[in-house]
Amino acid sequence: MTEDSLEQIGPDINDTKTVCRDCSFAEYEGITQTGCSLGKLDKFREKGDCHIIAAYDEEKEYFIVQDRFCVFWRDSEWKDKQEKIGLDKESIQECVRAEVNQRFAAVLYFDKNSDLKDIKLTVASLKSGSLRPTNIIFCDNKSDINTKDILEIAKSSSIRWSLERIAEKEATQQRCVDICVRKLKAMDNPYYSCFRAGFRVIKNFYSDIDKALNDELIKFLALYPKEKEEEGLISDGFVGQTHLHKTIGGNREKSVLEKFINVTESQECRYLIKPLSEIVSL
């Protein structure tokens, strides 16, 4: 696949849909669905980028959300389990919201210009976030920092972690990011984020992105710091979709941000690449 095509980024949009019929949150009057107890039908209508279709069968009349997948869909068996452990309606809604929290990997880059206090600062900020990354990849590009000290910080982070030692000579930061992202599973970490050691990640960084994706139903493939738009560089706070990064060859030949922009412009969906400030309150 070339960077000028979006064909294999994900499932054919025509095959993407959510059938509300047997969802635990579908609201009915008799056999007719009237809404969603989580308000997702109204939010999908508000976004206007999908179609809500009325459907029926021999037993029920219900809605189908065409062109969007609802991550909140849960069957009756799931709801029964929550009720058996004593959760009320409000607690069940809180439970499903916690289940869909977006998962991010944080690539923490450091090199010969970095020191131990830089790593400590960034890790501390990640730990104190309203929503933490799922895991941290410590990306050591031939720094002079003692490995034992790095491991101590990693183990005390209370976040799943791994250490990537870059062996390539003169590897750029972008190349290092590619090496780290290549080892991620998109299913476990749909998005990755990048930071240089010494950068303080704001408390609401991941929670704001999660809210945009799950509550506001905003779609995006990448978020970039506004000042880096013309340079096409990955900088502190860059967020990208893991699967797409791999599909278009990462930063090979030119930066992945440039590729993200070129691909979406060619497919007339440039809005999927957004300035970070549109999503995160900086």
Foldseek 3Di string as FASTA:
>chain_A
DALQAPVVLDDDLQPDKDWQQFFPQFDDDQQETDAGNVRVVVLLVVVVPWDWDWDDDPRHITIMTGSHHAQLGDGPVVVVVCVVVPDDPVRVVVVSLVVQQAAEEEEEEEEQVDELVLQLQALVLQLLAPDHHQEYEDQYAHHPYDPVSVVVSRVVSPHHYYYHYDDDPPQDPQNSVVVVLVPDDCVRHQKYFYAYRNDRDHRCLSVLVRCCCNVNVDAAAKEAAPVCLVVLDRYHGIMGGSSVCVVNVAQPPHHVSVSRCSNCVSVVNNVRYYYSVVRDVD
